[in-house]
N, C-alpha and C. Protein backbone atom coordinates (compact mmCIF):
# COMPACT_ATOMS: atom_id res chain seq x y z
N MET A 1 -76.56 -24.30 65.90
CA MET A 1 -76.31 -24.33 64.47
C MET A 1 -75.13 -23.41 64.14
N THR A 2 -74.24 -23.89 63.31
CA THR A 2 -73.08 -23.13 62.89
C THR A 2 -73.47 -22.12 61.81
N GLU A 3 -72.87 -20.93 61.91
CA GLU A 3 -73.14 -19.92 60.88
C GLU A 3 -72.63 -20.39 59.53
N ALA A 4 -73.40 -20.08 58.48
CA ALA A 4 -73.01 -20.47 57.13
C ALA A 4 -71.86 -19.61 56.62
N TRP A 5 -71.77 -18.39 57.12
CA TRP A 5 -70.68 -17.50 56.72
C TRP A 5 -70.48 -16.43 57.77
N ILE A 6 -69.29 -15.85 57.72
CA ILE A 6 -68.94 -14.72 58.58
C ILE A 6 -68.30 -13.68 57.68
N LEU A 7 -68.73 -12.46 57.78
CA LEU A 7 -68.13 -11.36 57.03
C LEU A 7 -67.57 -10.35 58.01
N LYS A 8 -66.34 -9.94 57.75
CA LYS A 8 -65.70 -8.90 58.56
C LYS A 8 -64.97 -7.95 57.63
N ARG A 9 -64.66 -6.78 58.15
CA ARG A 9 -63.92 -5.78 57.38
C ARG A 9 -62.86 -5.14 58.27
N PHE A 10 -61.77 -4.71 57.65
CA PHE A 10 -60.73 -4.03 58.42
C PHE A 10 -61.18 -2.68 58.96
N GLU A 11 -62.28 -2.14 58.45
CA GLU A 11 -62.81 -0.89 59.00
C GLU A 11 -63.28 -1.08 60.44
N LYS A 12 -63.56 -2.33 60.83
CA LYS A 12 -63.96 -2.66 62.19
C LYS A 12 -63.12 -3.86 62.66
N PRO A 13 -61.82 -3.67 62.85
CA PRO A 13 -60.96 -4.79 63.25
C PRO A 13 -61.27 -5.27 64.67
N ASP A 14 -60.84 -6.48 64.97
CA ASP A 14 -60.99 -7.02 66.32
C ASP A 14 -59.99 -6.39 67.28
N GLU A 15 -58.86 -5.95 66.75
CA GLU A 15 -57.80 -5.36 67.58
C GLU A 15 -56.96 -4.44 66.71
N VAL A 16 -56.45 -3.36 67.31
CA VAL A 16 -55.53 -2.46 66.61
C VAL A 16 -54.31 -2.26 67.50
N ARG A 17 -53.15 -2.50 66.95
CA ARG A 17 -51.88 -2.24 67.64
C ARG A 17 -51.28 -0.99 67.01
N ARG A 18 -51.16 0.06 67.80
CA ARG A 18 -50.69 1.35 67.29
C ARG A 18 -49.27 1.64 67.78
N PHE A 19 -48.51 2.29 66.91
CA PHE A 19 -47.17 2.75 67.25
C PHE A 19 -46.89 3.95 66.37
N GLU A 20 -45.85 4.70 66.70
CA GLU A 20 -45.54 5.90 65.92
C GLU A 20 -45.38 5.55 64.44
N LYS A 21 -46.00 6.33 63.59
CA LYS A 21 -45.94 6.19 62.13
C LYS A 21 -46.61 4.93 61.58
N GLY A 22 -47.45 4.28 62.39
CA GLY A 22 -48.10 3.10 61.84
C GLY A 22 -49.07 2.43 62.77
N SER A 23 -49.70 1.39 62.21
CA SER A 23 -50.61 0.57 63.00
C SER A 23 -50.69 -0.82 62.36
N PHE A 24 -51.16 -1.76 63.16
CA PHE A 24 -51.36 -3.13 62.70
C PHE A 24 -52.73 -3.56 63.18
N GLU A 25 -53.64 -3.78 62.23
CA GLU A 25 -55.02 -4.14 62.54
C GLU A 25 -55.18 -5.65 62.43
N ILE A 26 -55.93 -6.22 63.37
CA ILE A 26 -56.12 -7.67 63.44
C ILE A 26 -57.59 -8.00 63.23
N VAL A 27 -57.84 -8.99 62.35
CA VAL A 27 -59.17 -9.56 62.18
C VAL A 27 -59.05 -11.06 62.39
N ARG A 28 -59.87 -11.59 63.28
CA ARG A 28 -59.92 -13.03 63.52
C ARG A 28 -61.16 -13.57 62.82
N ILE A 29 -60.95 -14.54 61.92
CA ILE A 29 -62.08 -15.06 61.15
C ILE A 29 -61.80 -16.50 60.71
N GLY A 30 -62.76 -17.37 60.89
CA GLY A 30 -62.64 -18.75 60.44
C GLY A 30 -61.43 -19.48 60.99
N GLY A 31 -61.04 -19.17 62.23
CA GLY A 31 -59.88 -19.81 62.83
C GLY A 31 -58.54 -19.26 62.36
N VAL A 32 -58.57 -18.17 61.59
CA VAL A 32 -57.36 -17.55 61.05
C VAL A 32 -57.24 -16.13 61.59
N VAL A 33 -56.01 -15.69 61.81
CA VAL A 33 -55.75 -14.31 62.21
C VAL A 33 -55.12 -13.61 61.02
N VAL A 34 -55.77 -12.56 60.51
CA VAL A 34 -55.27 -11.79 59.37
C VAL A 34 -54.94 -10.39 59.88
N GLY A 35 -53.78 -9.89 59.46
CA GLY A 35 -53.37 -8.55 59.88
C GLY A 35 -53.23 -7.62 58.70
N ARG A 36 -53.45 -6.33 58.96
CA ARG A 36 -53.19 -5.30 57.94
C ARG A 36 -52.21 -4.30 58.54
N ALA A 37 -51.03 -4.24 57.93
CA ALA A 37 -50.00 -3.27 58.33
C ALA A 37 -50.22 -1.99 57.55
N ARG A 38 -50.17 -0.86 58.24
CA ARG A 38 -50.29 0.46 57.62
C ARG A 38 -49.18 1.32 58.18
N TYR A 39 -48.19 1.64 57.34
CA TYR A 39 -47.02 2.40 57.79
C TYR A 39 -46.86 3.66 56.96
N ASP A 40 -46.59 4.77 57.62
CA ASP A 40 -46.36 6.04 56.96
C ASP A 40 -44.90 6.13 56.48
N PRO A 41 -44.64 7.00 55.51
CA PRO A 41 -43.25 7.24 55.11
C PRO A 41 -42.41 7.60 56.35
N GLY A 42 -41.21 7.06 56.41
CA GLY A 42 -40.34 7.29 57.55
C GLY A 42 -40.43 6.20 58.61
N TRP A 43 -41.42 5.29 58.49
CA TRP A 43 -41.55 4.19 59.44
C TRP A 43 -40.41 3.21 59.28
N ARG A 44 -39.92 2.70 60.40
CA ARG A 44 -38.87 1.66 60.40
C ARG A 44 -39.12 0.75 61.60
N TRP A 45 -39.10 -0.57 61.37
CA TRP A 45 -39.37 -1.52 62.45
C TRP A 45 -38.44 -1.27 63.63
N SER A 46 -37.13 -1.16 63.37
CA SER A 46 -36.16 -1.04 64.46
C SER A 46 -36.35 0.24 65.28
N THR A 47 -36.98 1.25 64.72
CA THR A 47 -37.22 2.50 65.44
C THR A 47 -38.59 2.49 66.10
N HIS A 48 -39.62 2.03 65.39
CA HIS A 48 -40.99 2.22 65.84
C HIS A 48 -41.65 1.00 66.48
N VAL A 49 -41.17 -0.21 66.20
CA VAL A 49 -41.79 -1.41 66.77
C VAL A 49 -40.86 -2.12 67.75
N ARG A 50 -39.56 -2.02 67.56
CA ARG A 50 -38.62 -2.70 68.47
C ARG A 50 -38.90 -2.41 69.94
N PRO A 51 -39.21 -1.14 70.32
CA PRO A 51 -39.50 -0.90 71.73
C PRO A 51 -40.68 -1.72 72.27
N VAL A 52 -41.65 -2.03 71.43
CA VAL A 52 -42.80 -2.85 71.82
C VAL A 52 -42.40 -4.32 71.85
N ALA A 53 -41.69 -4.77 70.81
CA ALA A 53 -41.32 -6.19 70.68
C ALA A 53 -40.23 -6.58 71.68
N GLY A 54 -39.31 -5.66 71.95
CA GLY A 54 -38.23 -5.94 72.90
C GLY A 54 -37.18 -6.90 72.38
N THR A 55 -37.06 -7.04 71.06
CA THR A 55 -36.05 -7.92 70.46
C THR A 55 -35.13 -7.10 69.56
N LYS A 56 -33.94 -7.64 69.27
CA LYS A 56 -32.97 -6.94 68.43
C LYS A 56 -33.52 -6.70 67.03
N SER A 57 -34.19 -7.70 66.47
CA SER A 57 -34.81 -7.59 65.15
C SER A 57 -36.18 -8.26 65.23
N CYS A 58 -36.96 -8.16 64.16
CA CYS A 58 -38.29 -8.78 64.15
C CYS A 58 -38.13 -10.29 64.13
N GLU A 59 -38.69 -10.96 65.12
CA GLU A 59 -38.57 -12.41 65.26
C GLU A 59 -39.85 -13.14 64.85
N VAL A 60 -40.69 -12.46 64.04
CA VAL A 60 -41.93 -13.06 63.56
C VAL A 60 -41.76 -13.44 62.09
N ALA A 61 -42.21 -14.65 61.73
CA ALA A 61 -42.25 -15.06 60.32
C ALA A 61 -43.52 -14.48 59.72
N HIS A 62 -43.41 -13.90 58.52
CA HIS A 62 -44.54 -13.27 57.86
C HIS A 62 -44.80 -13.92 56.50
N VAL A 63 -46.06 -14.12 56.17
CA VAL A 63 -46.49 -14.44 54.82
C VAL A 63 -47.60 -13.46 54.51
N GLY A 64 -47.46 -12.73 53.39
CA GLY A 64 -48.45 -11.70 53.12
C GLY A 64 -48.46 -11.21 51.70
N LEU A 65 -49.18 -10.12 51.50
CA LEU A 65 -49.37 -9.48 50.20
C LEU A 65 -49.25 -7.98 50.38
N VAL A 66 -48.40 -7.35 49.55
CA VAL A 66 -48.28 -5.90 49.58
C VAL A 66 -49.44 -5.31 48.78
N VAL A 67 -50.23 -4.47 49.42
CA VAL A 67 -51.38 -3.84 48.78
C VAL A 67 -50.97 -2.54 48.09
N SER A 68 -50.15 -1.74 48.77
CA SER A 68 -49.69 -0.48 48.19
C SER A 68 -48.39 -0.05 48.85
N GLY A 69 -47.65 0.80 48.13
CA GLY A 69 -46.39 1.31 48.65
C GLY A 69 -45.24 0.33 48.46
N ARG A 70 -44.11 0.69 49.08
CA ARG A 70 -42.90 -0.13 48.98
C ARG A 70 -42.21 -0.18 50.34
N ALA A 71 -41.54 -1.28 50.60
CA ALA A 71 -40.76 -1.43 51.83
C ALA A 71 -39.52 -2.27 51.53
N MET A 72 -38.47 -2.00 52.27
CA MET A 72 -37.27 -2.83 52.23
C MET A 72 -37.29 -3.76 53.42
N VAL A 73 -36.75 -4.96 53.21
CA VAL A 73 -36.54 -5.91 54.29
C VAL A 73 -35.06 -6.24 54.29
N ALA A 74 -34.44 -6.12 55.46
CA ALA A 74 -33.03 -6.46 55.61
C ALA A 74 -32.91 -7.57 56.65
N MET A 75 -32.40 -8.72 56.22
CA MET A 75 -32.20 -9.84 57.12
C MET A 75 -30.99 -9.54 58.00
N ASP A 76 -30.92 -10.18 59.15
CA ASP A 76 -29.79 -9.96 60.06
C ASP A 76 -28.45 -10.29 59.42
N ASP A 77 -28.45 -11.17 58.41
CA ASP A 77 -27.19 -11.53 57.74
C ASP A 77 -26.81 -10.55 56.64
N GLY A 78 -27.61 -9.48 56.44
CA GLY A 78 -27.27 -8.45 55.46
C GLY A 78 -28.01 -8.54 54.14
N ARG A 79 -28.67 -9.64 53.84
CA ARG A 79 -29.44 -9.74 52.60
C ARG A 79 -30.63 -8.79 52.66
N GLU A 80 -30.92 -8.15 51.51
CA GLU A 80 -32.04 -7.20 51.44
C GLU A 80 -32.92 -7.49 50.23
N VAL A 81 -34.21 -7.15 50.37
CA VAL A 81 -35.15 -7.27 49.26
C VAL A 81 -36.17 -6.14 49.38
N GLU A 82 -36.61 -5.63 48.24
CA GLU A 82 -37.65 -4.61 48.23
C GLU A 82 -38.99 -5.27 47.93
N LEU A 83 -39.99 -4.92 48.72
CA LEU A 83 -41.36 -5.41 48.53
C LEU A 83 -42.16 -4.29 47.88
N ARG A 84 -42.91 -4.63 46.81
CA ARG A 84 -43.70 -3.64 46.08
C ARG A 84 -45.15 -4.11 45.96
N ALA A 85 -46.04 -3.18 45.68
CA ALA A 85 -47.45 -3.50 45.53
C ALA A 85 -47.63 -4.69 44.58
N GLY A 86 -48.43 -5.66 45.02
CA GLY A 86 -48.68 -6.86 44.23
C GLY A 86 -47.80 -8.04 44.60
N ASP A 87 -46.71 -7.79 45.34
CA ASP A 87 -45.81 -8.88 45.74
C ASP A 87 -46.44 -9.71 46.86
N LEU A 88 -46.40 -11.03 46.69
CA LEU A 88 -46.66 -11.96 47.78
C LEU A 88 -45.31 -12.25 48.42
N PHE A 89 -45.25 -12.26 49.75
CA PHE A 89 -43.94 -12.41 50.40
C PHE A 89 -43.99 -13.42 51.53
N SER A 90 -42.84 -14.03 51.75
CA SER A 90 -42.58 -14.86 52.92
C SER A 90 -41.25 -14.39 53.48
N VAL A 91 -41.26 -13.88 54.68
CA VAL A 91 -40.05 -13.35 55.32
C VAL A 91 -39.85 -14.09 56.63
N GLN A 92 -38.67 -14.64 56.80
CA GLN A 92 -38.33 -15.40 57.99
C GLN A 92 -37.95 -14.47 59.16
N PRO A 93 -37.98 -14.99 60.38
CA PRO A 93 -37.57 -14.18 61.54
C PRO A 93 -36.13 -13.70 61.39
N GLY A 94 -35.83 -12.61 62.09
CA GLY A 94 -34.48 -12.05 62.07
C GLY A 94 -34.32 -11.00 61.00
N HIS A 95 -35.15 -9.96 61.03
CA HIS A 95 -35.09 -8.92 60.00
C HIS A 95 -35.52 -7.56 60.53
N ASP A 96 -35.17 -6.54 59.79
CA ASP A 96 -35.64 -5.17 59.99
C ASP A 96 -36.40 -4.82 58.71
N SER A 97 -37.24 -3.80 58.75
CA SER A 97 -37.90 -3.33 57.53
C SER A 97 -38.23 -1.86 57.68
N TRP A 98 -38.41 -1.19 56.53
CA TRP A 98 -38.72 0.23 56.54
C TRP A 98 -39.43 0.61 55.25
N VAL A 99 -40.22 1.68 55.34
CA VAL A 99 -40.95 2.20 54.18
C VAL A 99 -39.97 2.90 53.25
N VAL A 100 -40.15 2.68 51.95
CA VAL A 100 -39.33 3.32 50.92
C VAL A 100 -40.21 4.34 50.21
N GLY A 101 -39.70 5.56 50.03
CA GLY A 101 -40.42 6.58 49.27
C GLY A 101 -41.42 7.37 50.10
N ASP A 102 -42.26 8.11 49.39
CA ASP A 102 -43.20 9.05 50.01
C ASP A 102 -44.62 8.51 50.14
N GLU A 103 -44.87 7.29 49.68
CA GLU A 103 -46.21 6.72 49.73
C GLU A 103 -46.35 5.80 50.95
N PRO A 104 -47.48 5.86 51.65
CA PRO A 104 -47.69 4.91 52.75
C PRO A 104 -47.63 3.47 52.24
N TYR A 105 -47.23 2.57 53.11
CA TYR A 105 -47.12 1.14 52.80
C TYR A 105 -48.27 0.41 53.49
N VAL A 106 -48.93 -0.47 52.75
CA VAL A 106 -50.02 -1.29 53.30
C VAL A 106 -49.81 -2.73 52.84
N SER A 107 -49.89 -3.66 53.79
CA SER A 107 -49.79 -5.08 53.44
C SER A 107 -50.73 -5.89 54.30
N LEU A 108 -51.16 -7.03 53.75
CA LEU A 108 -51.98 -7.99 54.48
C LEU A 108 -51.08 -9.14 54.91
N HIS A 109 -51.28 -9.61 56.14
CA HIS A 109 -50.44 -10.68 56.70
C HIS A 109 -51.32 -11.88 57.04
N PHE A 110 -50.98 -13.03 56.43
CA PHE A 110 -51.74 -14.25 56.62
C PHE A 110 -51.05 -15.22 57.57
N LEU A 111 -49.78 -14.97 57.86
CA LEU A 111 -49.02 -15.74 58.85
C LEU A 111 -48.24 -14.75 59.69
N GLY A 112 -48.25 -14.93 60.99
CA GLY A 112 -47.48 -14.08 61.88
C GLY A 112 -48.25 -12.91 62.47
N ALA A 113 -49.47 -12.70 62.02
CA ALA A 113 -50.23 -11.52 62.48
C ALA A 113 -50.49 -11.54 63.98
N ASP A 114 -50.79 -12.69 64.53
CA ASP A 114 -51.15 -12.76 65.95
C ASP A 114 -49.99 -12.37 66.85
N ASP A 115 -48.75 -12.63 66.44
CA ASP A 115 -47.58 -12.39 67.27
C ASP A 115 -46.90 -11.05 67.00
N TYR A 116 -47.31 -10.33 65.96
CA TYR A 116 -46.60 -9.13 65.54
C TYR A 116 -46.92 -7.92 66.43
N ALA A 117 -45.90 -7.13 66.74
CA ALA A 117 -46.01 -5.85 67.47
C ALA A 117 -46.63 -6.05 68.86
N ARG A 118 -46.20 -7.09 69.54
CA ARG A 118 -46.64 -7.35 70.92
C ARG A 118 -45.51 -7.10 71.87
């Protein structure tokens, strides 16, 4: 018999990917992989995740929601956008990102979570 529901929480993720100044928590549920990014002030993808990813820029497509804090995204072609709490975002591969200000940045990722920070 199939379960009628499944409940999970990020307090007990299925996987945690840790790196300096941040972490990425993974929850697998209902055939979907959801990620929670948690980055401290001073975090930058090109400094803290690039060594793990091994690519020039982030090559993962992301769709998500900013829960708190702010971050900049810079595409390889030079275009930039600031993400703020409450923003839903879709960011294509080929970008760098970094935390803006003194507040930690937290976002939920509904696309790209399985491939991020590997």
